[in-house]
Amino acid sequence: MASIISNISILLFLCFIFQGYGQRCSFKDISITQSETGVKIMGKTEWIVYIYNKCNCNQVNVKVDCKGFLTSEDIDPKLLNVLGDECLLNFGRPIFKNTLSFKYAWDKPFPFKPISSSVHCT
């Protein structure tokens, strides 16, 4: 009987310790949607991009594939920093459960695709 109680205690202890590590989050939990704003910038359609973190943990250094990205509208590099074929979101700072957004202008929507991030659970 003491052996069973000891095993259950150890199991509960391990569950408690690894509770915070149960989150299986990755850059795949970053969701990106966009839509037209109805505004034209230098003859190009303006798009608003919304970035959501569907994970309960913060994600930092979130990068998206930007190969071939063009815009006629200036974007605050703190929101989207173009680094060659990759773009860094939110200046590398955490993206929480809330939404990050920015606007750009081009003929058609660009297919932003998350490619990497670091997950920070507290």
PDB file of N, CA and C in Angstrom:
ATOM      1  N   MET A   1       0.820  -1.192   0.000  1.00  0.00           N
ATOM      2  CA  MET A   1       0.000   0.000   0.000  1.00  0.00           C
ATOM      3  C   MET A   1       0.872   1.267   0.000  1.00  0.00           C
ATOM      4  N   ALA A   2       1.919   1.225   0.811  1.00  0.00           N
ATOM      5  CA  ALA A   2       2.821   2.381   0.865  1.00  0.00           C
ATOM      6  C   ALA A   2       3.493   2.615  -0.487  1.00  0.00           C
ATOM      7  N   SER A   3       3.761   1.537  -1.205  1.00  0.00           N
ATOM      8  CA  SER A   3       4.377   1.645  -2.523  1.00  0.00           C
ATOM      9  C   SER A   3       3.449   2.348  -3.511  1.00  0.00           C
ATOM     10  N   ILE A   4       2.173   2.038  -3.461  1.00  0.00           N
ATOM     11  CA  ILE A   4       1.193   2.676  -4.357  1.00  0.00           C
ATOM     12  C   ILE A   4       1.092   4.163  -4.046  1.00  0.00           C
ATOM     13  N   ILE A   5       1.010   4.505  -2.776  1.00  0.00           N
ATOM     14  CA  ILE A   5       0.918   5.917  -2.373  1.00  0.00           C
ATOM     15  C   ILE A   5       2.189   6.658  -2.785  1.00  0.00           C
ATOM     16  N   SER A   6       3.331   6.015  -2.614  1.00  0.00           N
ATOM     17  CA  SER A   6       4.599   6.629  -3.010  1.00  0.00           C
ATOM     18  C   SER A   6       4.630   6.884  -4.517  1.00  0.00           C
ATOM     19  N   ASN A   7       4.196   5.913  -5.310  1.00  0.00           N
ATOM     20  CA  ASN A   7       4.175   6.071  -6.773  1.00  0.00           C
ATOM     21  C   ASN A   7       3.211   7.167  -7.203  1.00  0.00           C
ATOM     22  N   ILE A   8       2.045   7.219  -6.580  1.00  0.00           N
ATOM     23  CA  ILE A   8       1.068   8.271  -6.907  1.00  0.00           C
ATOM     24  C   ILE A   8       1.631   9.631  -6.530  1.00  0.00           C
ATOM     25  N   SER A   9       2.301   9.726  -5.399  1.00  0.00           N
ATOM     26  CA  SER A   9       2.905  11.000  -4.973  1.00  0.00           C
ATOM     27  C   SER A   9       3.961  11.464  -5.970  1.00  0.00           C
ATOM     28  N   ILE A  10       4.790  10.531  -6.403  1.00  0.00           N
ATOM     29  CA  ILE A  10       5.822  10.874  -7.395  1.00  0.00           C
ATOM     30  C   ILE A  10       5.182  11.334  -8.698  1.00  0.00           C
ATOM     31  N   LEU A  11       4.144  10.637  -9.133  1.00  0.00           N
ATOM     32  CA  LEU A  11       3.450  11.011 -10.371  1.00  0.00           C
ATOM     33  C   LEU A  11       2.841  12.397 -10.260  1.00  0.00           C
ATOM     34  N   LEU A  12       2.171  12.693  -9.149  1.00  0.00           N
ATOM     35  CA  LEU A  12       1.584  14.022  -8.948  1.00  0.00           C
ATOM     36  C   LEU A  12       2.658  15.099  -8.904  1.00  0.00           C
ATOM     37  N   PHE A  13       3.779  14.806  -8.259  1.00  0.00           N
ATOM     38  CA  PHE A  13       4.883  15.754  -8.194  1.00  0.00           C
ATOM     39  C   PHE A  13       5.419  16.069  -9.592  1.00  0.00           C
ATOM     40  N   LEU A  14       5.627  15.030 -10.390  1.00  0.00           N
ATOM     41  CA  LEU A  14       6.121  15.234 -11.763  1.00  0.00           C
ATOM     42  C   LEU A  14       5.108  16.008 -12.599  1.00  0.00           C
ATOM     43  N   CYS A  15       3.833  15.724 -12.433  1.00  0.00           N
ATOM     44  CA  CYS A  15       2.805  16.485 -13.165  1.00  0.00           C
ATOM     45  C   CYS A  15       2.858  17.953 -12.791  1.00  0.00           C
ATOM     46  N   PHE A  16       3.056  18.235 -11.509  1.00  0.00           N
ATOM     47  CA  PHE A  16       3.142  19.615 -11.044  1.00  0.00           C
ATOM     48  C   PHE A  16       4.355  20.322 -11.640  1.00  0.00           C
ATOM     49  N   ILE A  17       5.495  19.652 -11.632  1.00  0.00           N
ATOM     50  CA  ILE A  17       6.727  20.248 -12.163  1.00  0.00           C
ATOM     51  C   ILE A  17       6.608  20.540 -13.655  1.00  0.00           C
ATOM     52  N   PHE A  18       6.051  19.608 -14.411  1.00  0.00           N
ATOM     53  CA  PHE A  18       6.007  19.756 -15.862  1.00  0.00           C
ATOM     54  C   PHE A  18       4.746  20.438 -16.364  1.00  0.00           C
ATOM     55  N   GLN A  19       3.932  20.949 -15.450  1.00  0.00           N
ATOM     56  CA  GLN A  19       2.680  21.606 -15.835  1.00  0.00           C
ATOM     57  C   GLN A  19       2.927  22.746 -16.813  1.00  0.00           C
ATOM     58  N   GLY A  20       3.893  23.592 -16.548  1.00  0.00           N
ATOM     59  CA  GLY A  20       4.181  24.733 -17.417  1.00  0.00           C
ATOM     60  C   GLY A  20       4.779  24.329 -18.749  1.00  0.00           C
ATOM     61  N   TYR A  21       5.299  23.105 -18.824  1.00  0.00           N
ATOM     62  CA  TYR A  21       5.927  22.665 -20.057  1.00  0.00           C
ATOM     63  C   TYR A  21       4.971  21.878 -20.942  1.00  0.00           C
ATOM     64  N   GLY A  22       3.712  21.808 -20.529  1.00  0.00           N
ATOM     65  CA  GLY A  22       2.722  21.051 -21.292  1.00  0.00           C
ATOM     66  C   GLY A  22       2.303  21.753 -22.572  1.00  0.00           C
ATOM     67  N   GLN A  23       2.579  23.043 -22.672  1.00  0.00           N
ATOM     68  CA  GLN A  23       2.213  23.791 -23.858  1.00  0.00           C
ATOM     69  C   GLN A  23       3.103  23.359 -25.018  1.00  0.00           C
ATOM     70  N   ARG A  24       2.502  22.913 -26.056  1.00  0.00           N
ATOM     71  CA  ARG A  24       3.252  22.528 -27.263  1.00  0.00           C
ATOM     72  C   ARG A  24       3.007  23.616 -28.304  1.00  0.00           C
ATOM     73  N   CYS A  25       3.711  24.698 -28.158  1.00  0.00           N
ATOM     74  CA  CYS A  25       3.520  25.834 -29.048  1.00  0.00           C
ATOM     75  C   CYS A  25       4.691  25.946 -30.011  1.00  0.00           C
ATOM     76  N   SER A  26       4.413  26.539 -31.162  1.00  0.00           N
ATOM     77  CA  SER A  26       5.458  26.799 -32.140  1.00  0.00           C
ATOM     78  C   SER A  26       5.002  27.943 -33.038  1.00  0.00           C
ATOM     79  N   PHE A  27       5.836  28.266 -33.992  1.00  0.00           N
ATOM     80  CA  PHE A  27       5.479  29.323 -34.940  1.00  0.00           C
ATOM     81  C   PHE A  27       4.211  28.963 -35.711  1.00  0.00           C
ATOM     82  N   LYS A  28       3.849  27.689 -35.713  1.00  0.00           N
ATOM     83  CA  LYS A  28       2.625  27.263 -36.398  1.00  0.00           C
ATOM     84  C   LYS A  28       1.370  27.751 -35.683  1.00  0.00           C
ATOM     85  N   ASP A  29       1.528  28.259 -34.445  1.00  0.00           N
ATOM     86  CA  ASP A  29       0.409  28.832 -33.705  1.00  0.00           C
ATOM     87  C   ASP A  29       0.219  30.316 -34.019  1.00  0.00           C
ATOM     88  N   ILE A  30       1.034  30.843 -34.901  1.00  0.00           N
ATOM     89  CA  ILE A  30       0.867  32.216 -35.369  1.00  0.00           C
ATOM     90  C   ILE A  30      -0.069  32.179 -36.565  1.00  0.00           C
ATOM     91  N   SER A  31      -1.162  32.917 -36.460  1.00  0.00           N
ATOM     92  CA  SER A  31      -2.157  32.975 -37.528  1.00  0.00           C
ATOM     93  C   SER A  31      -2.120  34.368 -38.159  1.00  0.00           C
ATOM     94  N   ILE A  32      -2.130  34.409 -39.470  1.00  0.00           N
ATOM     95  CA  ILE A  32      -2.069  35.688 -40.187  1.00  0.00           C
ATOM     96  C   ILE A  32      -3.253  35.785 -41.132  1.00  0.00           C
ATOM     97  N   THR A  33      -4.004  36.867 -40.986  1.00  0.00           N
ATOM     98  CA  THR A  33      -5.104  37.156 -41.903  1.00  0.00           C
ATOM     99  C   THR A  33      -4.921  38.577 -42.422  1.00  0.00           C
ATOM    100  N   GLN A  34      -5.530  38.862 -43.549  1.00  0.00           N
ATOM    101  CA  GLN A  34      -5.461  40.217 -44.086  1.00  0.00           C
ATOM    102  C   GLN A  34      -6.678  40.512 -44.927  1.00  0.00           C
ATOM    103  N   SER A  35      -6.944  41.797 -45.074  1.00  0.00           N
ATOM    104  CA  SER A  35      -8.079  42.232 -45.888  1.00  0.00           C
ATOM    105  C   SER A  35      -7.803  43.621 -46.439  1.00  0.00           C
ATOM    106  N   GLU A  36      -8.550  43.976 -47.453  1.00  0.00           N
ATOM    107  CA  GLU A  36      -8.421  45.307 -48.062  1.00  0.00           C
ATOM    108  C   GLU A  36      -8.979  46.357 -47.104  1.00  0.00           C
ATOM    109  N   THR A  37      -8.344  47.533 -47.089  1.00  0.00           N
ATOM    110  CA  THR A  37      -8.846  48.634 -46.266  1.00  0.00           C
ATOM    111  C   THR A  37      -9.803  49.523 -47.044  1.00  0.00           C
ATOM    112  N   GLY A  38      -9.768  49.419 -48.381  1.00  0.00           N
ATOM    113  CA  GLY A  38     -10.580  50.301 -49.217  1.00  0.00           C
ATOM    114  C   GLY A  38      -9.842  51.558 -49.647  1.00  0.00           C
ATOM    115  N   VAL A  39      -8.594  51.689 -49.224  1.00  0.00           N
ATOM    116  CA  VAL A  39      -7.769  52.858 -49.533  1.00  0.00           C
ATOM    117  C   VAL A  39      -6.779  52.483 -50.638  1.00  0.00           C
ATOM    118  N   LYS A  40      -6.467  53.460 -51.497  1.00  0.00           N
ATOM    119  CA  LYS A  40      -5.431  53.280 -52.517  1.00  0.00           C
ATOM    120  C   LYS A  40      -4.225  54.142 -52.144  1.00  0.00           C
ATOM    121  N   ILE A  41      -3.042  53.550 -52.225  1.00  0.00           N
ATOM    122  CA  ILE A  41      -1.787  54.251 -51.968  1.00  0.00           C
ATOM    123  C   ILE A  41      -0.968  54.172 -53.247  1.00  0.00           C
ATOM    124  N   MET A  42      -0.739  55.314 -53.865  1.00  0.00           N
ATOM    125  CA  MET A  42       0.015  55.362 -55.121  1.00  0.00           C
ATOM    126  C   MET A  42      -0.555  54.355 -56.134  1.00  0.00           C
ATOM    127  N   GLY A  43      -1.864  54.271 -56.210  1.00  0.00           N
ATOM    128  CA  GLY A  43      -2.542  53.393 -57.159  1.00  0.00           C
ATOM    129  C   GLY A  43      -2.587  51.925 -56.755  1.00  0.00           C
ATOM    130  N   LYS A  44      -2.058  51.597 -55.591  1.00  0.00           N
ATOM    131  CA  LYS A  44      -2.033  50.210 -55.115  1.00  0.00           C
ATOM    132  C   LYS A  44      -3.070  50.025 -53.998  1.00  0.00           C
ATOM    133  N   THR A  45      -3.620  48.840 -53.916  1.00  0.00           N
ATOM    134  CA  THR A  45      -4.576  48.512 -52.871  1.00  0.00           C
ATOM    135  C   THR A  45      -3.876  48.448 -51.527  1.00  0.00           C
ATOM    136  N   GLU A  46      -4.476  49.069 -50.520  1.00  0.00           N
ATOM    137  CA  GLU A  46      -3.918  48.974 -49.174  1.00  0.00           C
ATOM    138  C   GLU A  46      -4.525  47.758 -48.471  1.00  0.00           C
ATOM    139  N   TRP A  47      -3.658  47.005 -47.824  1.00  0.00           N
ATOM    140  CA  TRP A  47      -4.039  45.791 -47.091  1.00  0.00           C
ATOM    141  C   TRP A  47      -3.712  45.975 -45.630  1.00  0.00           C
ATOM    142  N   ILE A  48      -4.561  45.459 -44.756  1.00  0.00           N
ATOM    143  CA  ILE A  48      -4.247  45.427 -43.329  1.00  0.00           C
ATOM    144  C   ILE A  48      -4.031  43.978 -42.936  1.00  0.00           C
ATOM    145  N   VAL A  49      -2.930  43.750 -42.247  1.00  0.00           N
ATOM    146  CA  VAL A  49      -2.522  42.408 -41.843  1.00  0.00           C
ATOM    147  C   VAL A  49      -2.709  42.292 -40.330  1.00  0.00           C
ATOM    148  N   TYR A  50      -3.331  41.195 -39.915  1.00  0.00           N
ATOM    149  CA  TYR A  50      -3.519  40.907 -38.494  1.00  0.00           C
ATOM    150  C   TYR A  50      -2.732  39.646 -38.154  1.00  0.00           C
ATOM    151  N   ILE A  51      -1.930  39.735 -37.108  1.00  0.00           N
ATOM    152  CA  ILE A  51      -1.154  38.588 -36.650  1.00  0.00           C
ATOM    153  C   ILE A  51      -1.668  38.201 -35.270  1.00  0.00           C
ATOM    154  N   TYR A  52      -2.066  36.938 -35.129  1.00  0.00           N
ATOM    155  CA  TYR A  52      -2.590  36.419 -33.870  1.00  0.00           C
ATOM    156  C   TYR A  52      -1.657  35.321 -33.357  1.00  0.00           C
ATOM    157  N   ASN A  53      -1.491  35.277 -32.055  1.00  0.00           N
ATOM    158  CA  ASN A  53      -0.778  34.179 -31.421  1.00  0.00           C
ATOM    159  C   ASN A  53      -1.844  33.312 -30.757  1.00  0.00           C
ATOM    160  N   LYS A  54      -2.080  32.124 -31.268  1.00  0.00           N
ATOM    161  CA  LYS A  54      -3.116  31.245 -30.743  1.00  0.00           C
ATOM    162  C   LYS A  54      -2.642  30.437 -29.535  1.00  0.00           C
ATOM    163  N   CYS A  55      -1.390  30.593 -29.165  1.00  0.00           N
ATOM    164  CA  CYS A  55      -0.805  29.862 -28.040  1.00  0.00           C
ATOM    165  C   CYS A  55      -1.000  30.665 -26.751  1.00  0.00           C
ATOM    166  N   ASN A  56      -1.065  29.990 -25.627  1.00  0.00           N
ATOM    167  CA  ASN A  56      -1.173  30.679 -24.336  1.00  0.00           C
ATOM    168  C   ASN A  56       0.162  31.242 -23.884  1.00  0.00           C
ATOM    169  N   CYS A  57       1.224  30.873 -24.547  1.00  0.00           N
ATOM    170  CA  CYS A  57       2.561  31.369 -24.224  1.00  0.00           C
ATOM    171  C   CYS A  57       2.933  32.513 -25.166  1.00  0.00           C
ATOM    172  N   ASN A  58       3.847  33.354 -24.714  1.00  0.00           N
ATOM    173  CA  ASN A  58       4.367  34.416 -25.571  1.00  0.00           C
ATOM    174  C   ASN A  58       5.262  33.813 -26.643  1.00  0.00           C
ATOM    175  N   GLN A  59       5.282  34.465 -27.794  1.00  0.00           N
ATOM    176  CA  GLN A  59       6.224  34.070 -28.844  1.00  0.00           C
ATOM    177  C   GLN A  59       7.070  35.294 -29.176  1.00  0.00           C
ATOM    178  N   VAL A  60       8.371  35.088 -29.195  1.00  0.00           N
ATOM    179  CA  VAL A  60       9.309  36.171 -29.478  1.00  0.00           C
ATOM    180  C   VAL A  60      10.114  35.839 -30.728  1.00  0.00           C
ATOM    181  N   ASN A  61      10.735  36.870 -31.285  1.00  0.00           N
ATOM    182  CA  ASN A  61      11.541  36.711 -32.502  1.00  0.00           C
ATOM    183  C   ASN A  61      10.762  35.972 -33.586  1.00  0.00           C
ATOM    184  N   VAL A  62       9.513  36.385 -33.770  1.00  0.00           N
ATOM    185  CA  VAL A  62       8.668  35.755 -34.778  1.00  0.00           C
ATOM    186  C   VAL A  62       9.090  36.273 -36.155  1.00  0.00           C
ATOM    187  N   LYS A  63       9.393  35.324 -37.038  1.00  0.00           N
ATOM    188  CA  LYS A  63       9.788  35.676 -38.404  1.00  0.00           C
ATOM    189  C   LYS A  63       8.805  35.066 -39.387  1.00  0.00           C
ATOM    190  N   VAL A  64       8.550  35.823 -40.475  1.00  0.00           N
ATOM    191  CA  VAL A  64       7.702  35.343 -41.557  1.00  0.00           C
ATOM    192  C   VAL A  64       8.485  35.366 -42.858  1.00  0.00           C
ATOM    193  N   ASP A  65       8.075  34.545 -43.783  1.00  0.00           N
ATOM    194  CA  ASP A  65       8.687  34.504 -45.106  1.00  0.00           C
ATOM    195  C   ASP A  65       8.256  35.753 -45.866  1.00  0.00           C
ATOM    196  N   CYS A  66       9.221  36.537 -46.318  1.00  0.00           N
ATOM    197  CA  CYS A  66       8.940  37.776 -47.046  1.00  0.00           C
ATOM    198  C   CYS A  66       9.553  37.787 -48.440  1.00  0.00           C
ATOM    199  N   LYS A  67       9.938  36.627 -48.926  1.00  0.00           N
ATOM    200  CA  LYS A  67      10.588  36.569 -50.228  1.00  0.00           C
ATOM    201  C   LYS A  67       9.655  37.139 -51.303  1.00  0.00           C
ATOM    202  N   GLY A  68      10.108  38.203 -51.945  1.00  0.00           N
ATOM    203  CA  GLY A  68       9.331  38.844 -52.995  1.00  0.00           C
ATOM    204  C   GLY A  68       8.349  39.898 -52.507  1.00  0.00           C
ATOM    205  N   PHE A  69       8.371  40.213 -51.216  1.00  0.00           N
ATOM    206  CA  PHE A  69       7.439  41.205 -50.669  1.00  0.00           C
ATOM    207  C   PHE A  69       7.770  42.601 -51.172  1.00  0.00           C
ATOM    208  N   LEU A  70       6.748  43.302 -51.641  1.00  0.00           N
ATOM    209  CA  LEU A  70       6.868  44.688 -52.094  1.00  0.00           C
ATOM    210  C   LEU A  70       5.725  45.499 -51.515  1.00  0.00           C
ATOM    211  N   THR A  71       5.975  46.791 -51.288  1.00  0.00           N
ATOM    212  CA  THR A  71       4.932  47.685 -50.811  1.00  0.00           C
ATOM    213  C   THR A  71       5.191  49.103 -51.296  1.00  0.00           C
ATOM    214  N   SER A  72       4.112  49.829 -51.511  1.00  0.00           N
ATOM    215  CA  SER A  72       4.210  51.242 -51.884  1.00  0.00           C
ATOM    216  C   SER A  72       4.035  52.136 -50.663  1.00  0.00           C
ATOM    217  N   GLU A  73       3.798  51.536 -49.534  1.00  0.00           N
ATOM    218  CA  GLU A  73       3.525  52.271 -48.299  1.00  0.00           C
ATOM    219  C   GLU A  73       4.608  51.935 -47.269  1.00  0.00           C
ATOM    220  N   ASP A  74       5.092  52.960 -46.585  1.00  0.00           N
ATOM    221  CA  ASP A  74       6.096  52.723 -45.547  1.00  0.00           C
ATOM    222  C   ASP A  74       5.466  51.936 -44.395  1.00  0.00           C
ATOM    223  N   ILE A  75       6.232  51.003 -43.867  1.00  0.00           N
ATOM    224  CA  ILE A  75       5.801  50.207 -42.720  1.00  0.00           C
ATOM    225  C   ILE A  75       6.782  50.464 -41.592  1.00  0.00           C
ATOM    226  N   ASP A  76       6.267  50.705 -40.413  1.00  0.00           N
ATOM    227  CA  ASP A  76       7.111  50.905 -39.246  1.00  0.00           C
ATOM    228  C   ASP A  76       7.959  49.645 -39.039  1.00  0.00           C
ATOM    229  N   PRO A  77       9.290  49.759 -39.097  1.00  0.00           N
ATOM    230  CA  PRO A  77      10.144  48.576 -38.944  1.00  0.00           C
ATOM    231  C   PRO A  77      10.020  47.921 -37.571  1.00  0.00           C
ATOM    232  N   LYS A  78       9.416  48.606 -36.606  1.00  0.00           N
ATOM    233  CA  LYS A  78       9.166  47.987 -35.307  1.00  0.00           C
ATOM    234  C   LYS A  78       8.038  46.959 -35.418  1.00  0.00           C
ATOM    235  N   LEU A  79       7.200  47.082 -36.446  1.00  0.00           N
ATOM    236  CA  LEU A  79       6.113  46.128 -36.660  1.00  0.00           C
ATOM    237  C   LEU A  79       6.524  45.038 -37.650  1.00  0.00           C
ATOM    238  N   LEU A  80       7.137  45.449 -38.758  1.00  0.00           N
ATOM    239  CA  LEU A  80       7.595  44.513 -39.782  1.00  0.00           C
ATOM    240  C   LEU A  80       8.944  44.996 -40.292  1.00  0.00           C
ATOM    241  N   ASN A  81       9.988  44.281 -39.932  1.00  0.00           N
ATOM    242  CA  ASN A  81      11.338  44.653 -40.329  1.00  0.00           C
ATOM    243  C   ASN A  81      11.802  43.666 -41.395  1.00  0.00           C
ATOM    244  N   VAL A  82      11.925  44.143 -42.642  1.00  0.00           N
ATOM    245  CA  VAL A  82      12.323  43.286 -43.755  1.00  0.00           C
ATOM    246  C   VAL A  82      13.829  43.046 -43.691  1.00  0.00           C
ATOM    247  N   LEU A  83      14.191  41.769 -43.606  1.00  0.00           N
ATOM    248  CA  LEU A  83      15.600  41.365 -43.518  1.00  0.00           C
ATOM    249  C   LEU A  83      15.875  40.377 -44.645  1.00  0.00           C
ATOM    250  N   GLY A  84      15.944  40.862 -45.862  1.00  0.00           N
ATOM    251  CA  GLY A  84      16.134  39.979 -47.016  1.00  0.00           C
ATOM    252  C   GLY A  84      14.859  39.210 -47.303  1.00  0.00           C
ATOM    253  N   ASP A  85      14.939  37.884 -47.277  1.00  0.00           N
ATOM    254  CA  ASP A  85      13.767  37.041 -47.559  1.00  0.00           C
ATOM    255  C   ASP A  85      12.930  36.757 -46.321  1.00  0.00           C
ATOM    256  N   GLU A  86      13.364  37.275 -45.164  1.00  0.00           N
ATOM    257  CA  GLU A  86      12.627  37.092 -43.924  1.00  0.00           C
ATOM    258  C   GLU A  86      12.228  38.447 -43.357  1.00  0.00           C
ATOM    259  N   CYS A  87      11.140  38.449 -42.602  1.00  0.00           N
ATOM    260  CA  CYS A  87      10.715  39.659 -41.911  1.00  0.00           C
ATOM    261  C   CYS A  87      10.553  39.351 -40.434  1.00  0.00           C
ATOM    262  N   LEU A  88      11.063  40.235 -39.588  1.00  0.00           N
ATOM    263  CA  LEU A  88      10.930  40.111 -38.151  1.00  0.00           C
ATOM    264  C   LEU A  88       9.714  40.915 -37.710  1.00  0.00           C
ATOM    265  N   LEU A  89       8.819  40.282 -36.959  1.00  0.00           N
ATOM    266  CA  LEU A  89       7.609  40.949 -36.481  1.00  0.00           C
ATOM    267  C   LEU A  89       7.830  41.560 -35.099  1.00  0.00           C
ATOM    268  N   ASN A  90       7.217  42.709 -34.866  1.00  0.00           N
ATOM    269  CA  ASN A  90       7.176  43.350 -33.549  1.00  0.00           C
ATOM    270  C   ASN A  90       8.571  43.585 -32.974  1.00  0.00           C
ATOM    271  N   PHE A  91       9.545  43.798 -33.841  1.00  0.00           N
ATOM    272  CA  PHE A  91      10.933  44.098 -33.449  1.00  0.00           C
ATOM    273  C   PHE A  91      11.517  43.005 -32.564  1.00  0.00           C
ATOM    274  N   GLY A  92      10.990  41.770 -32.723  1.00  0.00           N
ATOM    275  CA  GLY A  92      11.471  40.643 -31.946  1.00  0.00           C
ATOM    276  C   GLY A  92      10.843  40.520 -30.571  1.00  0.00           C
ATOM    277  N   ARG A  93      10.059  41.540 -30.182  1.00  0.00           N
ATOM    278  CA  ARG A  93       9.418  41.519 -28.860  1.00  0.00           C
ATOM    279  C   ARG A  93       8.287  40.494 -28.834  1.00  0.00           C
ATOM    280  N   PRO A  94       7.813  40.158 -27.630  1.00  0.00           N
ATOM    281  CA  PRO A  94       6.772  39.134 -27.512  1.00  0.00           C
ATOM    282  C   PRO A  94       5.480  39.488 -28.246  1.00  0.00           C
ATOM    283  N   ILE A  95       4.906  38.478 -28.841  1.00  0.00           N
ATOM    284  CA  ILE A  95       3.552  38.574 -29.372  1.00  0.00           C
ATOM    285  C   ILE A  95       2.705  37.723 -28.445  1.00  0.00           C
ATOM    286  N   PHE A  96       1.784  38.391 -27.761  1.00  0.00           N
ATOM    287  CA  PHE A  96       0.929  37.723 -26.798  1.00  0.00           C
ATOM    288  C   PHE A  96      -0.317  37.204 -27.502  1.00  0.00           C
ATOM    289  N   LYS A  97      -1.348  36.940 -26.755  1.00  0.00           N
ATOM    290  CA  LYS A  97      -2.617  36.472 -27.329  1.00  0.00           C
ATOM    291  C   LYS A  97      -3.314  37.605 -28.097  1.00  0.00           C
ATOM    292  N   ASN A  98      -2.915  38.835 -27.857  1.00  0.00           N
ATOM    293  CA  ASN A  98      -3.542  39.954 -28.562  1.00  0.00           C
ATOM    294  C   ASN A  98      -3.074  40.015 -30.012  1.00  0.00           C
ATOM    295  N   THR A  99      -3.591  40.959 -30.730  1.00  0.00           N
ATOM    296  CA  THR A  99      -3.344  41.067 -32.157  1.00  0.00           C
ATOM    297  C   THR A  99      -2.317  42.147 -32.468  1.00  0.00           C
ATOM    298  N   LEU A 100      -1.433  41.833 -33.378  1.00  0.00           N
ATOM    299  CA  LEU A 100      -0.493  42.795 -33.934  1.00  0.00           C
ATOM    300  C   LEU A 100      -0.979  43.085 -35.344  1.00  0.00           C
ATOM    301  N   SER A 101      -0.901  44.330 -35.786  1.00  0.00           N
ATOM    302  CA  SER A 101      -1.350  44.632 -37.145  1.00  0.00           C
ATOM    303  C   SER A 101      -0.459  45.693 -37.794  1.00  0.00           C
ATOM    304  N   PHE A 102      -0.436  45.664 -39.114  1.00  0.00           N
ATOM    305  CA  PHE A 102       0.253  46.680 -39.898  1.00  0.00           C
ATOM    306  C   PHE A 102      -0.423  46.744 -41.264  1.00  0.00           C
ATOM    307  N   LYS A 103      -0.136  47.809 -41.992  1.00  0.00           N
ATOM    308  CA  LYS A 103      -0.706  47.999 -43.327  1.00  0.00           C
ATOM    309  C   LYS A 103       0.406  48.088 -44.361  1.00  0.00           C
ATOM    310  N   TYR A 104       0.090  47.646 -45.565  1.00  0.00           N
ATOM    311  CA  TYR A 104       1.003  47.796 -46.695  1.00  0.00           C
ATOM    312  C   TYR A 104       0.147  47.977 -47.942  1.00  0.00           C
ATOM    313  N   ALA A 105       0.768  48.393 -49.027  1.00  0.00           N
ATOM    314  CA  ALA A 105       0.018  48.624 -50.264  1.00  0.00           C
ATOM    315  C   ALA A 105       0.691  47.920 -51.430  1.00  0.00           C
ATOM    316  N   TRP A 106      -0.099  47.089 -52.125  1.00  0.00           N
ATOM    317  CA  TRP A 106       0.377  46.422 -53.328  1.00  0.00           C
ATOM    318  C   TRP A 106      -0.821  45.920 -54.114  1.00  0.00           C
ATOM    319  N   ASP A 107      -0.568  45.380 -55.312  1.00  0.00           N
ATOM    320  CA  ASP A 107      -1.652  44.952 -56.193  1.00  0.00           C
ATOM    321  C   ASP A 107      -2.504  43.837 -55.600  1.00  0.00           C
ATOM    322  N   LYS A 108      -1.861  42.892 -54.949  1.00  0.00           N
ATOM    323  CA  LYS A 108      -2.589  41.755 -54.383  1.00  0.00           C
ATOM    324  C   LYS A 108      -2.009  41.423 -53.019  1.00  0.00           C
ATOM    325  N   PRO A 109      -2.712  40.662 -52.211  1.00  0.00           N
ATOM    326  CA  PRO A 109      -2.190  40.347 -50.878  1.00  0.00           C
ATOM    327  C   PRO A 109      -0.959  39.465 -50.960  1.00  0.00           C
ATOM    328  N   PHE A 110      -0.021  39.736 -50.060  1.00  0.00           N
ATOM    329  CA  PHE A 110       1.197  38.934 -50.004  1.00  0.00           C
ATOM    330  C   PHE A 110       0.968  37.758 -49.051  1.00  0.00           C
ATOM    331  N   PRO A 111       1.386  36.551 -49.431  1.00  0.00           N
ATOM    332  CA  PRO A 111       1.151  35.375 -48.584  1.00  0.00           C
ATOM    333  C   PRO A 111       2.170  35.238 -47.446  1.00  0.00           C
ATOM    334  N   PHE A 112       2.054  36.106 -46.425  1.00  0.00           N
ATOM    335  CA  PHE A 112       2.960  36.011 -45.276  1.00  0.00           C
ATOM    336  C   PHE A 112       2.784  34.642 -44.626  1.00  0.00           C
ATOM    337  N   LYS A 113       3.912  33.978 -44.374  1.00  0.00           N
ATOM    338  CA  LYS A 113       3.874  32.653 -43.774  1.00  0.00           C
ATOM    339  C   LYS A 113       4.884  32.601 -42.626  1.00  0.00           C
ATOM    340  N   PRO A 114       4.433  32.289 -41.400  1.00  0.00           N
ATOM    341  CA  PRO A 114       5.373  32.180 -40.278  1.00  0.00           C
ATOM    342  C   PRO A 114       6.419  31.088 -40.548  1.00  0.00           C
ATOM    343  N   ILE A 115       7.686  31.401 -40.218  1.00  0.00           N
ATOM    344  CA  ILE A 115       8.743  30.405 -40.443  1.00  0.00           C
ATOM    345  C   ILE A 115       9.529  30.070 -39.171  1.00  0.00           C
ATOM    346  N   SER A 116       9.491  30.951 -38.166  1.00  0.00           N
ATOM    347  CA  SER A 116      10.191  30.630 -36.924  1.00  0.00           C
ATOM    348  C   SER A 116       9.756  31.551 -35.791  1.00  0.00           C
ATOM    349  N   SER A 117       9.979  31.072 -34.572  1.00  0.00           N
ATOM    350  CA  SER A 117       9.746  31.866 -33.361  1.00  0.00           C
ATOM    351  C   SER A 117      10.381  31.129 -32.193  1.00  0.00           C
ATOM    352  N   SER A 118      10.468  31.824 -31.071  1.00  0.00           N
ATOM    353  CA  SER A 118      10.868  31.204 -29.819  1.00  0.00           C
ATOM    354  C   SER A 118       9.685  31.322 -28.876  1.00  0.00           C
ATOM    355  N   VAL A 119       9.349  30.245 -28.186  1.00  0.00           N
ATOM    356  CA  VAL A 119       8.193  30.220 -27.290  1.00  0.00           C
ATOM    357  C   VAL A 119       8.674  30.437 -25.860  1.00  0.00           C
ATOM    358  N   HIS A 120       8.025  31.366 -25.161  1.00  0.00           N
ATOM    359  CA  HIS A 120       8.349  31.653 -23.761  1.00  0.00           C
ATOM    360  C   HIS A 120       7.099  31.494 -22.926  1.00  0.00           C
ATOM    361  N   CYS A 121       7.042  30.427 -22.131  1.00  0.00           N
ATOM    362  CA  CYS A 121       5.933  30.213 -21.204  1.00  0.00           C
ATOM    363  C   CYS A 121       6.362  30.636 -19.810  1.00  0.00           C
ATOM    364  N   THR A 122       5.413  31.222 -19.086  1.00  0.00           N
ATOM    365  CA  THR A 122       5.728  31.623 -17.705  1.00  0.00           C
ATOM    366  C   THR A 122       4.973  30.754 -16.726  1.00  0.00           C
TER     367      THR A 122
END
